[in-house]
Amino acid sequence: MDTAAELATVTSLKVEHHEGLRETYAGNWQGLTHEEIVEKYGEQYAAWKRGEPVRRGGGELETEVAERAAPIVERHVDGLPDGGTLVVVSHGGTIRTTIGRLIGLEPRSWEALGGLSNCCWSVLGEGARGWRLLEHNAGTLPEPVLGDDD
């Protein structure tokens, strides 16, 4: 929400908040470091990294995140004027799974998109057969800032 507020200040555009664009709920993993997750939930973490559908810490599946977020994006795009632009601000995991769903990747392949660094963005556009990923993890930072979700 802080990022959206900063963008609103710069652009003078109105911000709409949508609960469905929140980050993935990771249950017992919430608030833990990468090392703590591996130590306490090693098998579950390994299964998730292999691309298996895992309720990390008893939380949401990545497909559930995409199923709640992608329709919000689609609904707002449908309401754009010709040539309009929609800016969606969320967390890296939500953005990655939503992009994966929108461009038609199998959920097991969403990880191939890689993480989204802080204050970076992705650009989707209209292709001949639907959504098309035009840019991913773009930004002006001199070096990538990677999260601890590797």
C-alpha atoms as a PDB file:
ATOM      1  CA  MET A   1       0.000   0.000   0.000  1.00  0.00           C
ATOM      2  CA  ASP A   2       2.942   2.313   0.646  1.00  0.00           C
ATOM      3  CA  THR A   3       4.201   1.822  -2.907  1.00  0.00           C
ATOM      4  CA  ALA A   4       0.747   2.489  -4.339  1.00  0.00           C
ATOM      5  CA  ALA A   5       0.478   5.651  -2.229  1.00  0.00           C
ATOM      6  CA  GLU A   6       3.837   6.892  -3.540  1.00  0.00           C
ATOM      7  CA  LEU A   7       2.742   6.221  -7.128  1.00  0.00           C
ATOM      8  CA  ALA A   8      -0.504   8.073  -6.490  1.00  0.00           C
ATOM      9  CA  THR A   9       1.447  11.064  -5.218  1.00  0.00           C
ATOM     10  CA  VAL A  10       3.608  11.136  -8.351  1.00  0.00           C
ATOM     11  CA  THR A  11       0.785  10.482 -10.835  1.00  0.00           C
ATOM     12  CA  SER A  12      -2.191  12.098  -9.052  1.00  0.00           C
ATOM     13  CA  LEU A  13      -4.166   8.937  -9.773  1.00  0.00           C
ATOM     14  CA  LYS A  14      -6.625   7.363  -7.338  1.00  0.00           C
ATOM     15  CA  VAL A  15      -5.661   4.136  -5.557  1.00  0.00           C
ATOM     16  CA  GLU A  16      -8.175   1.324  -5.088  1.00  0.00           C
ATOM     17  CA  HIS A  17      -7.366  -1.341  -2.512  1.00  0.00           C
ATOM     18  CA  HIS A  18      -8.354  -4.961  -3.157  1.00  0.00           C
ATOM     19  CA  GLU A  19      -7.979  -7.631  -0.483  1.00  0.00           C
ATOM     20  CA  GLY A  20      -7.473 -10.227  -3.225  1.00  0.00           C
ATOM     21  CA  LEU A  21      -4.151  -8.644  -4.201  1.00  0.00           C
ATOM     22  CA  ARG A  22      -2.567  -9.298  -0.802  1.00  0.00           C
ATOM     23  CA  GLU A  23       0.516 -11.490  -0.463  1.00  0.00           C
ATOM     24  CA  THR A  24       0.285 -15.248  -0.116  1.00  0.00           C
ATOM     25  CA  TYR A  25      -0.742 -16.371   3.339  1.00  0.00           C
ATOM     26  CA  ALA A  26       1.993 -18.768   4.424  1.00  0.00           C
ATOM     27  CA  GLY A  27       0.521 -20.020   7.702  1.00  0.00           C
ATOM     28  CA  ASN A  28       3.222 -21.123  10.147  1.00  0.00           C
ATOM     29  CA  TRP A  29       5.912 -19.851   7.780  1.00  0.00           C
ATOM     30  CA  GLN A  30       4.779 -16.248   8.313  1.00  0.00           C
ATOM     31  CA  GLY A  31       7.512 -14.165   9.917  1.00  0.00           C
ATOM     32  CA  LEU A  32      10.180 -16.856   9.676  1.00  0.00           C
ATOM     33  CA  THR A  33      13.508 -16.402   7.922  1.00  0.00           C
ATOM     34  CA  HIS A  34      14.501 -18.657   5.035  1.00  0.00           C
ATOM     35  CA  GLU A  35      16.841 -20.565   7.369  1.00  0.00           C
ATOM     36  CA  GLU A  36      14.113 -21.086   9.978  1.00  0.00           C
ATOM     37  CA  ILE A  37      11.700 -22.400   7.343  1.00  0.00           C
ATOM     38  CA  VAL A  38      14.264 -24.886   6.032  1.00  0.00           C
ATOM     39  CA  GLU A  39      15.105 -25.998   9.579  1.00  0.00           C
ATOM     40  CA  LYS A  40      11.512 -26.397  10.807  1.00  0.00           C
ATOM     41  CA  TYR A  41       9.728 -27.371   7.579  1.00  0.00           C
ATOM     42  CA  GLY A  42      12.493 -28.850   5.437  1.00  0.00           C
ATOM     43  CA  GLU A  43      10.437 -31.540   3.679  1.00  0.00           C
ATOM     44  CA  GLN A  44       7.557 -29.180   2.974  1.00  0.00           C
ATOM     45  CA  TYR A  45       9.975 -26.546   1.681  1.00  0.00           C
ATOM     46  CA  ALA A  46      11.739 -29.083  -0.572  1.00  0.00           C
ATOM     47  CA  ALA A  47       8.387 -30.217  -2.017  1.00  0.00           C
ATOM     48  CA  TRP A  48       7.402 -26.602  -2.719  1.00  0.00           C
ATOM     49  CA  LYS A  49      10.741 -25.956  -4.450  1.00  0.00           C
ATOM     50  CA  ARG A  50      10.167 -29.037  -6.634  1.00  0.00           C
ATOM     51  CA  GLY A  51       6.955 -27.400  -7.836  1.00  0.00           C
ATOM     52  CA  GLU A  52       4.544 -29.564  -5.907  1.00  0.00           C
ATOM     53  CA  PRO A  53       1.314 -27.908  -4.727  1.00  0.00           C
ATOM     54  CA  VAL A  54       2.126 -27.182  -1.084  1.00  0.00           C
ATOM     55  CA  ARG A  55       0.199 -25.269   1.543  1.00  0.00           C
ATOM     56  CA  ARG A  56       3.290 -23.627   2.950  1.00  0.00           C
ATOM     57  CA  GLY A  57       2.883 -23.627   6.713  1.00  0.00           C
ATOM     58  CA  GLY A  58      -0.762 -24.623   6.235  1.00  0.00           C
ATOM     59  CA  GLY A  59      -1.468 -21.450   4.242  1.00  0.00           C
ATOM     60  CA  GLU A  60      -2.597 -20.852   0.684  1.00  0.00           C
ATOM     61  CA  LEU A  61      -1.664 -22.742  -2.441  1.00  0.00           C
ATOM     62  CA  GLU A  62      -0.084 -20.604  -5.152  1.00  0.00           C
ATOM     63  CA  THR A  63      -3.011 -21.505  -7.422  1.00  0.00           C
ATOM     64  CA  GLU A  64      -5.424 -20.091  -4.830  1.00  0.00           C
ATOM     65  CA  VAL A  65      -3.490 -16.826  -4.787  1.00  0.00           C
ATOM     66  CA  ALA A  66      -3.693 -16.583  -8.587  1.00  0.00           C
ATOM     67  CA  GLU A  67      -7.392 -17.494  -8.540  1.00  0.00           C
ATOM     68  CA  ARG A  68      -8.184 -14.580  -6.216  1.00  0.00           C
ATOM     69  CA  ALA A  69      -5.845 -12.003  -7.809  1.00  0.00           C
ATOM     70  CA  ALA A  70      -6.050 -12.586 -11.584  1.00  0.00           C
ATOM     71  CA  PRO A  71      -9.821 -11.910 -11.843  1.00  0.00           C
ATOM     72  CA  ILE A  72      -9.298  -8.520 -10.170  1.00  0.00           C
ATOM     73  CA  VAL A  73      -6.738  -7.600 -12.814  1.00  0.00           C
ATOM     74  CA  GLU A  74      -8.939  -8.894 -15.639  1.00  0.00           C
ATOM     75  CA  ARG A  75     -12.002  -7.033 -14.345  1.00  0.00           C
ATOM     76  CA  HIS A  76     -10.105  -3.741 -14.196  1.00  0.00           C
ATOM     77  CA  VAL A  77      -8.533  -4.226 -17.627  1.00  0.00           C
ATOM     78  CA  ASP A  78     -11.997  -4.800 -19.080  1.00  0.00           C
ATOM     79  CA  GLY A  79     -12.983  -1.356 -17.781  1.00  0.00           C
ATOM     80  CA  LEU A  80     -10.043   0.501 -19.345  1.00  0.00           C
ATOM     81  CA  PRO A  81     -10.525   2.870 -22.254  1.00  0.00           C
ATOM     82  CA  ASP A  82      -8.749   1.946 -25.508  1.00  0.00           C
ATOM     83  CA  GLY A  83      -5.016   2.398 -25.012  1.00  0.00           C
ATOM     84  CA  GLY A  84      -5.460   2.682 -21.228  1.00  0.00           C
ATOM     85  CA  THR A  85      -2.942   1.444 -18.686  1.00  0.00           C
ATOM     86  CA  LEU A  86      -3.613  -0.405 -15.448  1.00  0.00           C
ATOM     87  CA  VAL A  87      -1.010  -0.360 -12.678  1.00  0.00           C
ATOM     88  CA  VAL A  88      -1.280  -3.162 -10.133  1.00  0.00           C
ATOM     89  CA  VAL A  89       0.806  -2.952  -6.979  1.00  0.00           C
ATOM     90  CA  SER A  90       1.214  -6.071  -4.845  1.00  0.00           C
ATOM     91  CA  HIS A  91       3.817  -8.440  -3.425  1.00  0.00           C
ATOM     92  CA  GLY A  92       6.256 -10.509  -5.478  1.00  0.00           C
ATOM     93  CA  GLY A  93       4.599 -13.882  -4.943  1.00  0.00           C
ATOM     94  CA  THR A  94       1.164 -12.574  -5.809  1.00  0.00           C
ATOM     95  CA  ILE A  95       2.480 -10.802  -8.893  1.00  0.00           C
ATOM     96  CA  ARG A  96       4.386 -13.893 -10.075  1.00  0.00           C
ATOM     97  CA  THR A  97       1.452 -16.277  -9.680  1.00  0.00           C
ATOM     98  CA  THR A  98      -0.970 -13.800 -11.257  1.00  0.00           C
ATOM     99  CA  ILE A  99       1.295 -13.288 -14.254  1.00  0.00           C
ATOM    100  CA  GLY A 100       1.723 -17.056 -14.586  1.00  0.00           C
ATOM    101  CA  ARG A 101      -2.034 -17.566 -14.639  1.00  0.00           C
ATOM    102  CA  LEU A 102      -2.708 -14.661 -16.998  1.00  0.00           C
ATOM    103  CA  ILE A 103      -0.162 -15.781 -19.596  1.00  0.00           C
ATOM    104  CA  GLY A 104      -1.305 -19.390 -19.384  1.00  0.00           C
ATOM    105  CA  LEU A 105       1.698 -21.087 -17.798  1.00  0.00           C
ATOM    106  CA  GLU A 106       1.145 -24.301 -15.892  1.00  0.00           C
ATOM    107  CA  PRO A 107       1.332 -23.611 -12.127  1.00  0.00           C
ATOM    108  CA  ARG A 108       4.414 -25.844 -11.861  1.00  0.00           C
ATOM    109  CA  SER A 109       6.212 -23.391 -14.204  1.00  0.00           C
ATOM    110  CA  TRP A 110       5.368 -20.150 -12.390  1.00  0.00           C
ATOM    111  CA  GLU A 111       8.641 -20.299 -10.468  1.00  0.00           C
ATOM    112  CA  ALA A 112      10.459 -19.925 -13.811  1.00  0.00           C
ATOM    113  CA  LEU A 113       9.367 -16.282 -13.847  1.00  0.00           C
ATOM    114  CA  GLY A 114      11.677 -15.624 -10.915  1.00  0.00           C
ATOM    115  CA  GLY A 115      11.096 -13.295  -8.033  1.00  0.00           C
ATOM    116  CA  LEU A 116      10.191  -9.656  -8.325  1.00  0.00           C
ATOM    117  CA  SER A 117      12.717  -7.361  -6.661  1.00  0.00           C
ATOM    118  CA  ASN A 118      11.571  -4.492  -4.456  1.00  0.00           C
ATOM    119  CA  CYS A 119      10.206  -1.522  -6.405  1.00  0.00           C
ATOM    120  CA  CYS A 120      10.531  -3.348  -9.732  1.00  0.00           C
ATOM    121  CA  TRP A 121       7.781  -4.101 -12.175  1.00  0.00           C
ATOM    122  CA  SER A 122       6.535  -6.336 -14.932  1.00  0.00           C
ATOM    123  CA  VAL A 123       4.707  -5.260 -18.061  1.00  0.00           C
ATOM    124  CA  LEU A 124       1.983  -7.319 -19.695  1.00  0.00           C
ATOM    125  CA  GLY A 125       0.340  -6.460 -22.963  1.00  0.00           C
ATOM    126  CA  GLU A 126      -2.192  -7.780 -25.383  1.00  0.00           C
ATOM    127  CA  GLY A 127      -0.897 -10.449 -27.747  1.00  0.00           C
ATOM    128  CA  ALA A 128      -2.532 -12.174 -30.701  1.00  0.00           C
ATOM    129  CA  ARG A 129      -3.670 -15.026 -28.428  1.00  0.00           C
ATOM    130  CA  GLY A 130      -4.132 -13.276 -25.106  1.00  0.00           C
ATOM    131  CA  TRP A 131      -1.813 -11.839 -22.508  1.00  0.00           C
ATOM    132  CA  ARG A 132       1.864 -11.457 -23.291  1.00  0.00           C
ATOM    133  CA  LEU A 133       4.750 -10.815 -20.857  1.00  0.00           C
ATOM    134  CA  LEU A 134       6.687  -7.884 -22.307  1.00  0.00           C
ATOM    135  CA  GLU A 135       9.006  -7.079 -19.389  1.00  0.00           C
ATOM    136  CA  HIS A 136       9.738  -8.735 -16.049  1.00  0.00           C
ATOM    137  CA  ASN A 137      11.590  -7.545 -12.948  1.00  0.00           C
ATOM    138  CA  ALA A 138      12.395  -4.228 -14.616  1.00  0.00           C
ATOM    139  CA  GLY A 139      13.683  -1.366 -12.533  1.00  0.00           C
ATOM    140  CA  THR A 140      16.332   1.241 -12.104  1.00  0.00           C
ATOM    141  CA  LEU A 141      18.313  -0.381  -9.311  1.00  0.00           C
ATOM    142  CA  PRO A 142      21.988  -0.929 -10.162  1.00  0.00           C
ATOM    143  CA  GLU A 143      21.913  -4.498  -8.806  1.00  0.00           C
ATOM    144  CA  PRO A 144      19.049  -6.967  -8.321  1.00  0.00           C
ATOM    145  CA  VAL A 145      17.681  -7.112  -4.797  1.00  0.00           C
ATOM    146  CA  LEU A 146      16.484 -10.677  -4.355  1.00  0.00           C
ATOM    147  CA  GLY A 147      14.052 -11.815  -1.699  1.00  0.00           C
ATOM    148  CA  ASP A 148      14.650 -14.791   0.559  1.00  0.00           C
ATOM    149  CA  ASP A 149      12.099 -16.968  -1.272  1.00  0.00           C
ATOM    150  CA  ASP A 150      14.722 -18.919  -3.178  1.00  0.00           C
END
